[in-house]
Structure formats: C-alpha cells, structure tokens
mmCIF file of all heavy atoms, coordinates in Angstrom:
data_MODEL
# 
_entry.id   MODEL 
# 
loop_
_atom_site.group_PDB 
_atom_site.id 
_atom_site.type_symbol 
_atom_site.label_atom_id 
_atom_site.label_alt_id 
_atom_site.label_comp_id 
_atom_site.label_asym_id 
_atom_site.label_entity_id 
_atom_site.label_seq_id 
_atom_site.pdbx_PDB_ins_code 
_atom_site.Cartn_x 
_atom_site.Cartn_y 
_atom_site.Cartn_z 
_atom_site.occupancy 
_atom_site.B_iso_or_equiv 
_atom_site.pdbx_formal_charge 
_atom_site.auth_seq_id 
_atom_site.auth_comp_id 
_atom_site.auth_asym_id 
_atom_site.auth_atom_id 
_atom_site.pdbx_PDB_model_num 
ATOM 1   N N   . ASN A 1 1  ? 25.097 -28.241 -7.132  1.00 0.00 ? 1  ASN A N   1 
ATOM 2   C CA  . ASN A 1 1  ? 24.665 -27.102 -6.382  1.00 0.00 ? 1  ASN A CA  1 
ATOM 3   C C   . ASN A 1 1  ? 24.964 -27.265 -4.920  1.00 0.00 ? 1  ASN A C   1 
ATOM 4   O O   . ASN A 1 1  ? 25.440 -26.336 -4.269  1.00 0.00 ? 1  ASN A O   1 
ATOM 5   C CB  . ASN A 1 1  ? 23.180 -26.869 -6.504  1.00 0.00 ? 1  ASN A CB  1 
ATOM 6   C CG  . ASN A 1 1  ? 22.844 -25.680 -7.478  1.00 0.00 ? 1  ASN A CG  1 
ATOM 7   O OD1 . ASN A 1 1  ? 23.735 -24.975 -7.824  1.00 0.00 ? 1  ASN A OD1 1 
ATOM 8   N ND2 . ASN A 1 1  ? 21.577 -25.519 -7.757  1.00 0.00 ? 1  ASN A ND2 1 
ATOM 9   N N   . ASP A 1 2  ? 24.689 -28.455 -4.393  1.00 0.00 ? 2  ASP A N   1 
ATOM 10  C CA  . ASP A 1 2  ? 24.916 -28.723 -2.947  1.00 0.00 ? 2  ASP A CA  1 
ATOM 11  C C   . ASP A 1 2  ? 26.426 -28.747 -2.548  1.00 0.00 ? 2  ASP A C   1 
ATOM 12  O O   . ASP A 1 2  ? 26.800 -28.282 -1.469  1.00 0.00 ? 2  ASP A O   1 
ATOM 13  C CB  . ASP A 1 2  ? 24.316 -30.031 -2.512  1.00 0.00 ? 2  ASP A CB  1 
ATOM 14  C CG  . ASP A 1 2  ? 22.774 -30.015 -2.579  1.00 0.00 ? 2  ASP A CG  1 
ATOM 15  O OD1 . ASP A 1 2  ? 22.199 -28.881 -2.703  1.00 0.00 ? 2  ASP A OD1 1 
ATOM 16  O OD2 . ASP A 1 2  ? 22.136 -31.050 -2.590  1.00 0.00 ? 2  ASP A OD2 1 
ATOM 17  N N   . THR A 1 3  ? 27.236 -29.304 -3.410  1.00 0.00 ? 3  THR A N   1 
ATOM 18  C CA  . THR A 1 3  ? 28.607 -29.393 -3.056  1.00 0.00 ? 3  THR A CA  1 
ATOM 19  C C   . THR A 1 3  ? 29.497 -28.212 -3.463  1.00 0.00 ? 3  THR A C   1 
ATOM 20  O O   . THR A 1 3  ? 30.423 -27.891 -2.751  1.00 0.00 ? 3  THR A O   1 
ATOM 21  C CB  . THR A 1 3  ? 29.257 -30.713 -3.691  1.00 0.00 ? 3  THR A CB  1 
ATOM 22  O OG1 . THR A 1 3  ? 29.012 -30.676 -5.120  1.00 0.00 ? 3  THR A OG1 1 
ATOM 23  C CG2 . THR A 1 3  ? 28.516 -31.940 -3.092  1.00 0.00 ? 3  THR A CG2 1 
ATOM 24  N N   . LEU A 1 4  ? 29.160 -27.620 -4.557  1.00 0.00 ? 4  LEU A N   1 
ATOM 25  C CA  . LEU A 1 4  ? 30.014 -26.510 -5.057  1.00 0.00 ? 4  LEU A CA  1 
ATOM 26  C C   . LEU A 1 4  ? 29.401 -25.190 -4.946  1.00 0.00 ? 4  LEU A C   1 
ATOM 27  O O   . LEU A 1 4  ? 30.052 -24.149 -5.111  1.00 0.00 ? 4  LEU A O   1 
ATOM 28  C CB  . LEU A 1 4  ? 30.395 -26.758 -6.529  1.00 0.00 ? 4  LEU A CB  1 
ATOM 29  C CG  . LEU A 1 4  ? 31.158 -28.095 -6.851  1.00 0.00 ? 4  LEU A CG  1 
ATOM 30  C CD1 . LEU A 1 4  ? 31.456 -28.223 -8.348  1.00 0.00 ? 4  LEU A CD1 1 
ATOM 31  C CD2 . LEU A 1 4  ? 32.405 -28.104 -6.006  1.00 0.00 ? 4  LEU A CD2 1 
ATOM 32  N N   . GLY A 1 5  ? 28.092 -25.071 -4.667  1.00 0.00 ? 5  GLY A N   1 
ATOM 33  C CA  . GLY A 1 5  ? 27.370 -23.744 -4.529  1.00 0.00 ? 5  GLY A CA  1 
ATOM 34  C C   . GLY A 1 5  ? 26.553 -23.335 -5.656  1.00 0.00 ? 5  GLY A C   1 
ATOM 35  O O   . GLY A 1 5  ? 26.780 -23.847 -6.811  1.00 0.00 ? 5  GLY A O   1 
ATOM 36  N N   . HIS A 1 6  ? 25.712 -22.426 -5.463  1.00 0.00 ? 6  HIS A N   1 
ATOM 37  C CA  . HIS A 1 6  ? 24.812 -21.889 -6.524  1.00 0.00 ? 6  HIS A CA  1 
ATOM 38  C C   . HIS A 1 6  ? 25.602 -21.141 -7.664  1.00 0.00 ? 6  HIS A C   1 
ATOM 39  O O   . HIS A 1 6  ? 25.152 -21.264 -8.805  1.00 0.00 ? 6  HIS A O   1 
ATOM 40  C CB  . HIS A 1 6  ? 23.795 -20.962 -5.953  1.00 0.00 ? 6  HIS A CB  1 
ATOM 41  C CG  . HIS A 1 6  ? 22.762 -21.627 -5.089  1.00 0.00 ? 6  HIS A CG  1 
ATOM 42  N ND1 . HIS A 1 6  ? 21.783 -22.500 -5.626  1.00 0.00 ? 6  HIS A ND1 1 
ATOM 43  C CD2 . HIS A 1 6  ? 22.609 -21.626 -3.769  1.00 0.00 ? 6  HIS A CD2 1 
ATOM 44  C CE1 . HIS A 1 6  ? 21.038 -22.952 -4.679  1.00 0.00 ? 6  HIS A CE1 1 
ATOM 45  N NE2 . HIS A 1 6  ? 21.488 -22.474 -3.528  1.00 0.00 ? 6  HIS A NE2 1 
ATOM 46  N N   . ALA A 1 7  ? 26.670 -20.580 -7.318  1.00 0.00 ? 7  ALA A N   1 
ATOM 47  C CA  . ALA A 1 7  ? 27.425 -19.850 -8.368  1.00 0.00 ? 7  ALA A CA  1 
ATOM 48  C C   . ALA A 1 7  ? 27.963 -20.909 -9.372  1.00 0.00 ? 7  ALA A C   1 
ATOM 49  O O   . ALA A 1 7  ? 27.929 -20.626 -10.556 1.00 0.00 ? 7  ALA A O   1 
ATOM 50  C CB  . ALA A 1 7  ? 28.579 -19.068 -7.752  1.00 0.00 ? 7  ALA A CB  1 
ATOM 51  N N   . ALA A 1 8  ? 28.477 -21.969 -8.919  1.00 0.00 ? 8  ALA A N   1 
ATOM 52  C CA  . ALA A 1 8  ? 29.032 -23.059 -9.787  1.00 0.00 ? 8  ALA A CA  1 
ATOM 53  C C   . ALA A 1 8  ? 27.841 -23.593 -10.539 1.00 0.00 ? 8  ALA A C   1 
ATOM 54  O O   . ALA A 1 8  ? 27.996 -23.981 -11.791 1.00 0.00 ? 8  ALA A O   1 
ATOM 55  C CB  . ALA A 1 8  ? 29.758 -24.121 -8.990  1.00 0.00 ? 8  ALA A CB  1 
ATOM 56  N N   . GLY A 1 9  ? 26.650 -23.740 -9.851  1.00 0.00 ? 9  GLY A N   1 
ATOM 57  C CA  . GLY A 1 9  ? 25.483 -24.308 -10.562 1.00 0.00 ? 9  GLY A CA  1 
ATOM 58  C C   . GLY A 1 9  ? 25.098 -23.389 -11.721 1.00 0.00 ? 9  GLY A C   1 
ATOM 59  O O   . GLY A 1 9  ? 24.752 -23.900 -12.817 1.00 0.00 ? 9  GLY A O   1 
ATOM 60  N N   . ASP A 1 10 ? 25.126 -22.053 -11.490 1.00 0.00 ? 10 ASP A N   1 
ATOM 61  C CA  . ASP A 1 10 ? 24.766 -21.133 -12.591 1.00 0.00 ? 10 ASP A CA  1 
ATOM 62  C C   . ASP A 1 10 ? 25.765 -21.247 -13.702 1.00 0.00 ? 10 ASP A C   1 
ATOM 63  O O   . ASP A 1 10 ? 25.387 -21.147 -14.874 1.00 0.00 ? 10 ASP A O   1 
ATOM 64  C CB  . ASP A 1 10 ? 24.736 -19.694 -11.990 1.00 0.00 ? 10 ASP A CB  1 
ATOM 65  C CG  . ASP A 1 10 ? 23.550 -19.487 -11.130 1.00 0.00 ? 10 ASP A CG  1 
ATOM 66  O OD1 . ASP A 1 10 ? 22.672 -20.265 -11.063 1.00 0.00 ? 10 ASP A OD1 1 
ATOM 67  O OD2 . ASP A 1 10 ? 23.510 -18.449 -10.471 1.00 0.00 ? 10 ASP A OD2 1 
ATOM 68  N N   . GLU A 1 11 ? 27.017 -21.338 -13.389 1.00 0.00 ? 11 GLU A N   1 
ATOM 69  C CA  . GLU A 1 11 ? 28.058 -21.433 -14.418 1.00 0.00 ? 11 GLU A CA  1 
ATOM 70  C C   . GLU A 1 11 ? 27.848 -22.732 -15.226 1.00 0.00 ? 11 GLU A C   1 
ATOM 71  O O   . GLU A 1 11 ? 28.043 -22.686 -16.447 1.00 0.00 ? 11 GLU A O   1 
ATOM 72  C CB  . GLU A 1 11 ? 29.475 -21.520 -13.736 1.00 0.00 ? 11 GLU A CB  1 
ATOM 73  C CG  . GLU A 1 11 ? 30.651 -21.523 -14.763 1.00 0.00 ? 11 GLU A CG  1 
ATOM 74  C CD  . GLU A 1 11 ? 31.970 -21.568 -14.114 1.00 0.00 ? 11 GLU A CD  1 
ATOM 75  O OE1 . GLU A 1 11 ? 32.024 -21.385 -12.872 1.00 0.00 ? 11 GLU A OE1 1 
ATOM 76  O OE2 . GLU A 1 11 ? 33.011 -21.749 -14.823 1.00 0.00 ? 11 GLU A OE2 1 
ATOM 77  N N   . LEU A 1 12 ? 27.444 -23.759 -14.543 1.00 0.00 ? 12 LEU A N   1 
ATOM 78  C CA  . LEU A 1 12 ? 27.218 -25.040 -15.272 1.00 0.00 ? 12 LEU A CA  1 
ATOM 79  C C   . LEU A 1 12 ? 26.035 -24.913 -16.192 1.00 0.00 ? 12 LEU A C   1 
ATOM 80  O O   . LEU A 1 12 ? 26.024 -25.366 -17.349 1.00 0.00 ? 12 LEU A O   1 
ATOM 81  C CB  . LEU A 1 12 ? 27.004 -26.185 -14.265 1.00 0.00 ? 12 LEU A CB  1 
ATOM 82  C CG  . LEU A 1 12 ? 26.624 -27.556 -14.795 1.00 0.00 ? 12 LEU A CG  1 
ATOM 83  C CD1 . LEU A 1 12 ? 27.803 -28.027 -15.774 1.00 0.00 ? 12 LEU A CD1 1 
ATOM 84  C CD2 . LEU A 1 12 ? 26.429 -28.583 -13.702 1.00 0.00 ? 12 LEU A CD2 1 
ATOM 85  N N   . LEU A 1 13 ? 24.963 -24.252 -15.757 1.00 0.00 ? 13 LEU A N   1 
ATOM 86  C CA  . LEU A 1 13 ? 23.790 -24.070 -16.615 1.00 0.00 ? 13 LEU A CA  1 
ATOM 87  C C   . LEU A 1 13 ? 24.091 -23.259 -17.815 1.00 0.00 ? 13 LEU A C   1 
ATOM 88  O O   . LEU A 1 13 ? 23.589 -23.572 -18.942 1.00 0.00 ? 13 LEU A O   1 
ATOM 89  C CB  . LEU A 1 13 ? 22.640 -23.319 -15.791 1.00 0.00 ? 13 LEU A CB  1 
ATOM 90  C CG  . LEU A 1 13 ? 21.990 -24.146 -14.681 1.00 0.00 ? 13 LEU A CG  1 
ATOM 91  C CD1 . LEU A 1 13 ? 21.056 -23.224 -13.879 1.00 0.00 ? 13 LEU A CD1 1 
ATOM 92  C CD2 . LEU A 1 13 ? 21.204 -25.295 -15.260 1.00 0.00 ? 13 LEU A CD2 1 
ATOM 93  N N   . VAL A 1 14 ? 24.955 -22.206 -17.755 1.00 0.00 ? 14 VAL A N   1 
ATOM 94  C CA  . VAL A 1 14 ? 25.375 -21.465 -18.892 1.00 0.00 ? 14 VAL A CA  1 
ATOM 95  C C   . VAL A 1 14 ? 26.124 -22.344 -19.865 1.00 0.00 ? 14 VAL A C   1 
ATOM 96  O O   . VAL A 1 14 ? 25.941 -22.272 -21.120 1.00 0.00 ? 14 VAL A O   1 
ATOM 97  C CB  . VAL A 1 14 ? 26.203 -20.252 -18.473 1.00 0.00 ? 14 VAL A CB  1 
ATOM 98  C CG1 . VAL A 1 14 ? 26.808 -19.582 -19.674 1.00 0.00 ? 14 VAL A CG1 1 
ATOM 99  C CG2 . VAL A 1 14 ? 25.276 -19.248 -17.629 1.00 0.00 ? 14 VAL A CG2 1 
ATOM 100 N N   . ALA A 1 15 ? 27.081 -23.222 -19.259 1.00 0.00 ? 15 ALA A N   1 
ATOM 101 C CA  . ALA A 1 15 ? 27.812 -24.152 -20.162 1.00 0.00 ? 15 ALA A CA  1 
ATOM 102 C C   . ALA A 1 15 ? 26.927 -25.073 -20.841 1.00 0.00 ? 15 ALA A C   1 
ATOM 103 O O   . ALA A 1 15 ? 27.104 -25.483 -21.993 1.00 0.00 ? 15 ALA A O   1 
ATOM 104 C CB  . ALA A 1 15 ? 28.902 -24.808 -19.325 1.00 0.00 ? 15 ALA A CB  1 
ATOM 105 N N   . VAL A 1 16 ? 25.911 -25.614 -20.117 1.00 0.00 ? 16 VAL A N   1 
ATOM 106 C CA  . VAL A 1 16 ? 24.977 -26.611 -20.724 1.00 0.00 ? 16 VAL A CA  1 
ATOM 107 C C   . VAL A 1 16 ? 24.166 -25.960 -21.868 1.00 0.00 ? 16 VAL A C   1 
ATOM 108 O O   . VAL A 1 16 ? 23.970 -26.510 -22.932 1.00 0.00 ? 16 VAL A O   1 
ATOM 109 C CB  . VAL A 1 16 ? 23.968 -27.118 -19.656 1.00 0.00 ? 16 VAL A CB  1 
ATOM 110 C CG1 . VAL A 1 16 ? 22.761 -27.900 -20.282 1.00 0.00 ? 16 VAL A CG1 1 
ATOM 111 C CG2 . VAL A 1 16 ? 24.716 -28.066 -18.703 1.00 0.00 ? 16 VAL A CG2 1 
ATOM 112 N N   . ALA A 1 17 ? 23.776 -24.701 -21.608 1.00 0.00 ? 17 ALA A N   1 
ATOM 113 C CA  . ALA A 1 17 ? 22.996 -23.976 -22.665 1.00 0.00 ? 17 ALA A CA  1 
ATOM 114 C C   . ALA A 1 17 ? 23.792 -23.809 -23.913 1.00 0.00 ? 17 ALA A C   1 
ATOM 115 O O   . ALA A 1 17 ? 23.385 -24.033 -25.064 1.00 0.00 ? 17 ALA A O   1 
ATOM 116 C CB  . ALA A 1 17 ? 22.633 -22.593 -22.150 1.00 0.00 ? 17 ALA A CB  1 
ATOM 117 N N   . GLY A 1 18 ? 25.186 -23.488 -23.757 1.00 0.00 ? 18 GLY A N   1 
ATOM 118 C CA  . GLY A 1 18 ? 26.009 -23.410 -24.934 1.00 0.00 ? 18 GLY A CA  1 
ATOM 119 C C   . GLY A 1 18 ? 26.114 -24.697 -25.631 1.00 0.00 ? 18 GLY A C   1 
ATOM 120 O O   . GLY A 1 18 ? 26.169 -24.714 -26.881 1.00 0.00 ? 18 GLY A O   1 
ATOM 121 N N   . ARG A 1 19 ? 26.260 -25.794 -24.914 1.00 0.00 ? 19 ARG A N   1 
ATOM 122 C CA  . ARG A 1 19 ? 26.423 -27.034 -25.579 1.00 0.00 ? 19 ARG A CA  1 
ATOM 123 C C   . ARG A 1 19 ? 25.140 -27.428 -26.259 1.00 0.00 ? 19 ARG A C   1 
ATOM 124 O O   . ARG A 1 19 ? 25.177 -28.152 -27.370 1.00 0.00 ? 19 ARG A O   1 
ATOM 125 C CB  . ARG A 1 19 ? 26.843 -28.073 -24.527 1.00 0.00 ? 19 ARG A CB  1 
ATOM 126 C CG  . ARG A 1 19 ? 27.506 -29.355 -25.163 1.00 0.00 ? 19 ARG A CG  1 
ATOM 127 C CD  . ARG A 1 19 ? 28.218 -30.168 -24.028 1.00 0.00 ? 19 ARG A CD  1 
ATOM 128 N NE  . ARG A 1 19 ? 29.425 -29.597 -23.580 1.00 0.00 ? 19 ARG A NE  1 
ATOM 129 C CZ  . ARG A 1 19 ? 30.194 -30.265 -22.711 1.00 0.00 ? 19 ARG A CZ  1 
ATOM 130 N NH1 . ARG A 1 19 ? 29.935 -31.448 -22.287 1.00 0.00 ? 19 ARG A NH1 1 
ATOM 131 N NH2 . ARG A 1 19 ? 31.364 -29.683 -22.276 1.00 0.00 ? 19 ARG A NH2 1 
ATOM 132 N N   . LEU A 1 20 ? 24.038 -27.161 -25.721 1.00 0.00 ? 20 LEU A N   1 
ATOM 133 C CA  . LEU A 1 20 ? 22.710 -27.457 -26.406 1.00 0.00 ? 20 LEU A CA  1 
ATOM 134 C C   . LEU A 1 20 ? 22.673 -26.708 -27.673 1.00 0.00 ? 20 LEU A C   1 
ATOM 135 O O   . LEU A 1 20 ? 22.103 -27.215 -28.723 1.00 0.00 ? 20 LEU A O   1 
ATOM 136 C CB  . LEU A 1 20 ? 21.523 -27.131 -25.385 1.00 0.00 ? 20 LEU A CB  1 
ATOM 137 C CG  . LEU A 1 20 ? 21.330 -28.040 -24.175 1.00 0.00 ? 20 LEU A CG  1 
ATOM 138 C CD1 . LEU A 1 20 ? 20.241 -27.500 -23.314 1.00 0.00 ? 20 LEU A CD1 1 
ATOM 139 C CD2 . LEU A 1 20 ? 21.104 -29.534 -24.582 1.00 0.00 ? 20 LEU A CD2 1 
ATOM 140 N N   . LEU A 1 21 ? 22.948 -25.427 -27.630 1.00 0.00 ? 21 LEU A N   1 
ATOM 141 C CA  . LEU A 1 21 ? 22.881 -24.601 -28.880 1.00 0.00 ? 21 LEU A CA  1 
ATOM 142 C C   . LEU A 1 21 ? 23.833 -25.125 -29.944 1.00 0.00 ? 21 LEU A C   1 
ATOM 143 O O   . LEU A 1 21 ? 23.489 -25.093 -31.121 1.00 0.00 ? 21 LEU A O   1 
ATOM 144 C CB  . LEU A 1 21 ? 23.222 -23.137 -28.536 1.00 0.00 ? 21 LEU A CB  1 
ATOM 145 C CG  . LEU A 1 21 ? 22.194 -22.387 -27.679 1.00 0.00 ? 21 LEU A CG  1 
ATOM 146 C CD1 . LEU A 1 21 ? 22.686 -20.969 -27.283 1.00 0.00 ? 21 LEU A CD1 1 
ATOM 147 C CD2 . LEU A 1 21 ? 20.838 -22.183 -28.526 1.00 0.00 ? 21 LEU A CD2 1 
ATOM 148 N N   . GLN A 1 22 ? 24.910 -25.642 -29.491 1.00 0.00 ? 22 GLN A N   1 
ATOM 149 C CA  . GLN A 1 22 ? 25.857 -26.197 -30.476 1.00 0.00 ? 22 GLN A CA  1 
ATOM 150 C C   . GLN A 1 22 ? 25.350 -27.416 -31.130 1.00 0.00 ? 22 GLN A C   1 
ATOM 151 O O   . GLN A 1 22 ? 25.420 -27.596 -32.335 1.00 0.00 ? 22 GLN A O   1 
ATOM 152 C CB  . GLN A 1 22 ? 27.227 -26.480 -29.804 1.00 0.00 ? 22 GLN A CB  1 
ATOM 153 C CG  . GLN A 1 22 ? 28.340 -26.975 -30.680 1.00 0.00 ? 22 GLN A CG  1 
ATOM 154 C CD  . GLN A 1 22 ? 29.630 -27.229 -29.872 1.00 0.00 ? 22 GLN A CD  1 
ATOM 155 O OE1 . GLN A 1 22 ? 29.604 -27.316 -28.707 1.00 0.00 ? 22 GLN A OE1 1 
ATOM 156 N NE2 . GLN A 1 22 ? 30.693 -27.313 -30.661 1.00 0.00 ? 22 GLN A NE2 1 
ATOM 157 N N   . VAL A 1 23 ? 24.795 -28.366 -30.342 1.00 0.00 ? 23 VAL A N   1 
ATOM 158 C CA  . VAL A 1 23 ? 24.221 -29.609 -30.926 1.00 0.00 ? 23 VAL A CA  1 
ATOM 159 C C   . VAL A 1 23 ? 23.016 -29.354 -31.691 1.00 0.00 ? 23 VAL A C   1 
ATOM 160 O O   . VAL A 1 23 ? 22.795 -30.014 -32.723 1.00 0.00 ? 23 VAL A O   1 
ATOM 161 C CB  . VAL A 1 23 ? 23.936 -30.601 -29.732 1.00 0.00 ? 23 VAL A CB  1 
ATOM 162 C CG1 . VAL A 1 23 ? 23.292 -31.887 -30.277 1.00 0.00 ? 23 VAL A CG1 1 
ATOM 163 C CG2 . VAL A 1 23 ? 25.282 -30.982 -29.031 1.00 0.00 ? 23 VAL A CG2 1 
ATOM 164 N N   . CYS A 1 24 ? 22.230 -28.381 -31.202 1.00 0.00 ? 24 CYS A N   1 
ATOM 165 C CA  . CYS A 1 24 ? 20.834 -28.200 -31.871 1.00 0.00 ? 24 CYS A CA  1 
ATOM 166 C C   . CYS A 1 24 ? 20.924 -26.864 -32.704 1.00 0.00 ? 24 CYS A C   1 
ATOM 167 O O   . CYS A 1 24 ? 19.958 -26.113 -32.601 1.00 0.00 ? 24 CYS A O   1 
ATOM 168 C CB  . CYS A 1 24 ? 19.775 -28.148 -30.828 1.00 0.00 ? 24 CYS A CB  1 
ATOM 169 S SG  . CYS A 1 24 ? 19.607 -29.596 -29.864 1.00 0.00 ? 24 CYS A SG  1 
ATOM 170 N N   . ALA A 1 25 ? 21.927 -26.619 -33.400 1.00 0.00 ? 25 ALA A N   1 
ATOM 171 C CA  . ALA A 1 25 ? 22.097 -25.408 -34.234 1.00 0.00 ? 25 ALA A CA  1 
ATOM 172 C C   . ALA A 1 25 ? 20.919 -25.312 -35.179 1.00 0.00 ? 25 ALA A C   1 
ATOM 173 O O   . ALA A 1 25 ? 20.524 -26.218 -35.869 1.00 0.00 ? 25 ALA A O   1 
ATOM 174 C CB  . ALA A 1 25 ? 23.378 -25.431 -35.012 1.00 0.00 ? 25 ALA A CB  1 
ATOM 175 N N   . GLY A 1 26 ? 20.295 -24.098 -35.169 1.00 0.00 ? 26 GLY A N   1 
ATOM 176 C CA  . GLY A 1 26 ? 19.191 -23.820 -36.016 1.00 0.00 ? 26 GLY A CA  1 
ATOM 177 C C   . GLY A 1 26 ? 17.821 -24.209 -35.409 1.00 0.00 ? 26 GLY A C   1 
ATOM 178 O O   . GLY A 1 26 ? 16.803 -24.000 -35.977 1.00 0.00 ? 26 GLY A O   1 
ATOM 179 N N   . ARG A 1 27 ? 17.865 -24.929 -34.260 1.00 0.00 ? 27 ARG A N   1 
ATOM 180 C CA  . ARG A 1 27 ? 16.589 -25.317 -33.564 1.00 0.00 ? 27 ARG A CA  1 
ATOM 181 C C   . ARG A 1 27 ? 16.288 -24.310 -32.408 1.00 0.00 ? 27 ARG A C   1 
ATOM 182 O O   . ARG A 1 27 ? 17.253 -23.657 -31.928 1.00 0.00 ? 27 ARG A O   1 
ATOM 183 C CB  . ARG A 1 27 ? 16.741 -26.740 -33.021 1.00 0.00 ? 27 ARG A CB  1 
ATOM 184 C CG  . ARG A 1 27 ? 17.355 -27.744 -33.974 1.00 0.00 ? 27 ARG A CG  1 
ATOM 185 C CD  . ARG A 1 27 ? 16.389 -28.221 -34.947 1.00 0.00 ? 27 ARG A CD  1 
ATOM 186 N NE  . ARG A 1 27 ? 16.885 -29.405 -35.651 1.00 0.00 ? 27 ARG A NE  1 
ATOM 187 C CZ  . ARG A 1 27 ? 16.187 -29.993 -36.627 1.00 0.00 ? 27 ARG A CZ  1 
ATOM 188 N NH1 . ARG A 1 27 ? 15.011 -29.686 -36.924 1.00 0.00 ? 27 ARG A NH1 1 
ATOM 189 N NH2 . ARG A 1 27 ? 16.744 -31.135 -37.198 1.00 0.00 ? 27 ARG A NH2 1 
ATOM 190 N N   . LEU A 1 28 ? 15.112 -24.331 -32.040 1.00 0.00 ? 28 LEU A N   1 
ATOM 191 C CA  . LEU A 1 28 ? 14.756 -23.499 -30.891 1.00 0.00 ? 28 LEU A CA  1 
ATOM 192 C C   . LEU A 1 28 ? 15.040 -24.241 -29.600 1.00 0.00 ? 28 LEU A C   1 
ATOM 193 O O   . LEU A 1 28 ? 14.544 -25.314 -29.348 1.00 0.00 ? 28 LEU A O   1 
ATOM 194 C CB  . LEU A 1 28 ? 13.237 -23.079 -30.889 1.00 0.00 ? 28 LEU A CB  1 
ATOM 195 C CG  . LEU A 1 28 ? 12.875 -22.138 -29.728 1.00 0.00 ? 28 LEU A CG  1 
ATOM 196 C CD1 . LEU A 1 28 ? 12.183 -20.861 -30.309 1.00 0.00 ? 28 LEU A CD1 1 
ATOM 197 C CD2 . LEU A 1 28 ? 12.083 -22.754 -28.694 1.00 0.00 ? 28 LEU A CD2 1 
# 
C-alpha cells in the first residue's frame, strides 16, 4: 500500500480472495 498505492493494494486483496477461494473450495 505504501509503495504502490491503495489501488494496487485493492487489486492485491481481490487476487488474494480469489486464491483463498481456490484453495478452500466449498468452504466459507
């Protein structure tokens, strides 16, 4: 966030969410 900005931070959070859903398929 500090080095690349909040927009990059938001993009990273979306990518993390996608990876979590992939690993934890079927879980909440």
